[in-house]
């Protein structure tokens, strides 16, 4: 699977986990050069607290377009150390 935004592949892996229709990529498969830390956090009742990254590619920023669960609840343990995308990021195989 590939995650693409603004014409750039920002993540690529054959080992994604699909939860609620979102592909969670292993953290090491994501291009660190495009990630910008965000202070945004949200809470999912069964996965726990999510943290976010914005994406920066070729001078454009996609705010909070990637999220991850640093310490997911036990029901979502399989997505620990994984990143998912939205807000215009195309995920394709």
C-alpha atoms as a PDB file:
ATOM      1  CA  UNK A   1       0.000   0.000   0.000  1.00  0.00           C
ATOM      2  CA  UNK A   2       1.056   3.583  -0.649  1.00  0.00           C
ATOM      3  CA  UNK A   3      -0.061   6.842   0.933  1.00  0.00           C
ATOM      4  CA  UNK A   4       0.334   9.776  -1.474  1.00  0.00           C
ATOM      5  CA  UNK A   5      -0.205  13.484  -0.930  1.00  0.00           C
ATOM      6  CA  UNK A   6       0.697  16.423  -3.131  1.00  0.00           C
ATOM      7  CA  UNK A   7       2.285  14.026  -5.646  1.00  0.00           C
ATOM      8  CA  UNK A   8       4.687  12.492  -3.100  1.00  0.00           C
ATOM      9  CA  UNK A   9       4.681   8.980  -1.649  1.00  0.00           C
ATOM     10  CA  UNK A  10       4.684   9.614   2.089  1.00  0.00           C
ATOM     11  CA  UNK A  11       4.317   5.992   3.236  1.00  0.00           C
ATOM     12  CA  UNK A  12       4.705   2.596   1.606  1.00  0.00           C
ATOM     13  CA  UNK A  13       4.287  -0.876   3.099  1.00  0.00           C
ATOM     14  CA  UNK A  14       2.986  -4.375   2.425  1.00  0.00           C
ATOM     15  CA  UNK A  15       2.124  -4.597   6.126  1.00  0.00           C
ATOM     16  CA  UNK A  16      -0.814  -2.285   6.803  1.00  0.00           C
ATOM     17  CA  UNK A  17      -3.603  -3.035   9.257  1.00  0.00           C
ATOM     18  CA  UNK A  18      -7.105  -1.899   8.306  1.00  0.00           C
ATOM     19  CA  UNK A  19      -9.272  -0.577  11.140  1.00  0.00           C
ATOM     20  CA  UNK A  20     -12.567   1.157  10.426  1.00  0.00           C
ATOM     21  CA  UNK A  21     -11.602   1.463   6.749  1.00  0.00           C
ATOM     22  CA  UNK A  22      -8.264   3.174   7.459  1.00  0.00           C
ATOM     23  CA  UNK A  23      -4.900   1.648   6.595  1.00  0.00           C
ATOM     24  CA  UNK A  24      -2.455   1.949   9.486  1.00  0.00           C
ATOM     25  CA  UNK A  25       1.122   1.939   8.182  1.00  0.00           C
ATOM     26  CA  UNK A  26       4.080   0.815  10.290  1.00  0.00           C
ATOM     27  CA  UNK A  27       5.721   3.970  11.652  1.00  0.00           C
ATOM     28  CA  UNK A  28       9.058   3.061  10.063  1.00  0.00           C
ATOM     29  CA  UNK A  29       7.421   2.992   6.603  1.00  0.00           C
ATOM     30  CA  UNK A  30       6.435   6.683   6.823  1.00  0.00           C
ATOM     31  CA  UNK A  31       8.765   9.349   5.386  1.00  0.00           C
ATOM     32  CA  UNK A  32       9.893  11.351   8.438  1.00  0.00           C
ATOM     33  CA  UNK A  33      10.864  14.307   6.246  1.00  0.00           C
ATOM     34  CA  UNK A  34       7.195  15.175   5.598  1.00  0.00           C
ATOM     35  CA  UNK A  35       5.912  14.866   9.185  1.00  0.00           C
ATOM     36  CA  UNK A  36       5.379  17.904  11.379  1.00  0.00           C
ATOM     37  CA  UNK A  37       4.375  17.382  15.014  1.00  0.00           C
ATOM     38  CA  UNK A  38       0.945  18.699  15.948  1.00  0.00           C
ATOM     39  CA  UNK A  39      -0.545  19.495  19.339  1.00  0.00           C
ATOM     40  CA  UNK A  40      -3.942  18.144  18.242  1.00  0.00           C
ATOM     41  CA  UNK A  41      -5.310  15.179  20.155  1.00  0.00           C
ATOM     42  CA  UNK A  42      -8.657  13.404  19.957  1.00  0.00           C
ATOM     43  CA  UNK A  43     -10.190  10.527  21.884  1.00  0.00           C
ATOM     44  CA  UNK A  44     -11.803   7.379  20.531  1.00  0.00           C
ATOM     45  CA  UNK A  45     -13.869   5.411  23.065  1.00  0.00           C
ATOM     46  CA  UNK A  46     -12.321   2.063  22.125  1.00  0.00           C
ATOM     47  CA  UNK A  47      -8.901   2.975  20.663  1.00  0.00           C
ATOM     48  CA  UNK A  48      -7.848   5.658  23.139  1.00  0.00           C
ATOM     49  CA  UNK A  49      -6.160   9.016  22.633  1.00  0.00           C
ATOM     50  CA  UNK A  50      -4.899   9.874  19.148  1.00  0.00           C
ATOM     51  CA  UNK A  51      -2.061  12.247  18.363  1.00  0.00           C
ATOM     52  CA  UNK A  52      -1.524  13.934  14.998  1.00  0.00           C
ATOM     53  CA  UNK A  53       1.075  14.985  12.458  1.00  0.00           C
ATOM     54  CA  UNK A  54       0.658  17.589   9.770  1.00  0.00           C
ATOM     55  CA  UNK A  55       2.228  16.873   6.380  1.00  0.00           C
ATOM     56  CA  UNK A  56       4.614  19.279   4.646  1.00  0.00           C
ATOM     57  CA  UNK A  57       5.374  18.603   0.979  1.00  0.00           C
ATOM     58  CA  UNK A  58       6.857  21.062  -1.523  1.00  0.00           C
ATOM     59  CA  UNK A  59       5.888  24.103   0.521  1.00  0.00           C
ATOM     60  CA  UNK A  60       2.297  22.969   1.130  1.00  0.00           C
ATOM     61  CA  UNK A  61       0.972  21.881   4.527  1.00  0.00           C
ATOM     62  CA  UNK A  62      -1.888  19.485   5.198  1.00  0.00           C
ATOM     63  CA  UNK A  63      -2.784  20.137   8.837  1.00  0.00           C
ATOM     64  CA  UNK A  64      -3.388  17.085  11.041  1.00  0.00           C
ATOM     65  CA  UNK A  65      -3.552  14.750   8.033  1.00  0.00           C
ATOM     66  CA  UNK A  66      -1.948  11.811   9.853  1.00  0.00           C
ATOM     67  CA  UNK A  67      -2.790  10.285  13.193  1.00  0.00           C
ATOM     68  CA  UNK A  68      -1.519   7.583  15.509  1.00  0.00           C
ATOM     69  CA  UNK A  69      -2.237   6.114  18.921  1.00  0.00           C
ATOM     70  CA  UNK A  70       0.913   6.269  21.104  1.00  0.00           C
ATOM     71  CA  UNK A  71      -0.676   4.113  23.811  1.00  0.00           C
ATOM     72  CA  UNK A  72      -3.816   2.515  22.380  1.00  0.00           C
ATOM     73  CA  UNK A  73      -6.312   0.723  24.568  1.00  0.00           C
ATOM     74  CA  UNK A  74      -5.968  -3.076  24.612  1.00  0.00           C
ATOM     75  CA  UNK A  75      -8.774  -3.499  22.042  1.00  0.00           C
ATOM     76  CA  UNK A  76      -6.637  -1.559  19.545  1.00  0.00           C
ATOM     77  CA  UNK A  77      -3.196  -2.858  20.521  1.00  0.00           C
ATOM     78  CA  UNK A  78      -2.513  -3.953  16.930  1.00  0.00           C
ATOM     79  CA  UNK A  79      -2.226  -0.317  15.758  1.00  0.00           C
ATOM     80  CA  UNK A  80       0.470   0.720  18.236  1.00  0.00           C
ATOM     81  CA  UNK A  81       3.427   2.274  16.365  1.00  0.00           C
ATOM     82  CA  UNK A  82       1.300   2.726  13.222  1.00  0.00           C
ATOM     83  CA  UNK A  83       0.126   5.820  11.343  1.00  0.00           C
ATOM     84  CA  UNK A  84      -3.071   6.414   9.337  1.00  0.00           C
ATOM     85  CA  UNK A  85      -3.969   9.230   6.945  1.00  0.00           C
ATOM     86  CA  UNK A  86      -6.929  11.323   5.801  1.00  0.00           C
ATOM     87  CA  UNK A  87      -7.664  14.875   4.543  1.00  0.00           C
ATOM     88  CA  UNK A  88      -6.848  14.303   0.897  1.00  0.00           C
ATOM     89  CA  UNK A  89      -4.146  11.681   1.329  1.00  0.00           C
ATOM     90  CA  UNK A  90      -4.723   8.914  -1.223  1.00  0.00           C
ATOM     91  CA  UNK A  91      -4.097   5.364  -0.014  1.00  0.00           C
ATOM     92  CA  UNK A  92      -3.764   2.905  -2.878  1.00  0.00           C
ATOM     93  CA  UNK A  93      -2.146  -0.414  -3.720  1.00  0.00           C
END
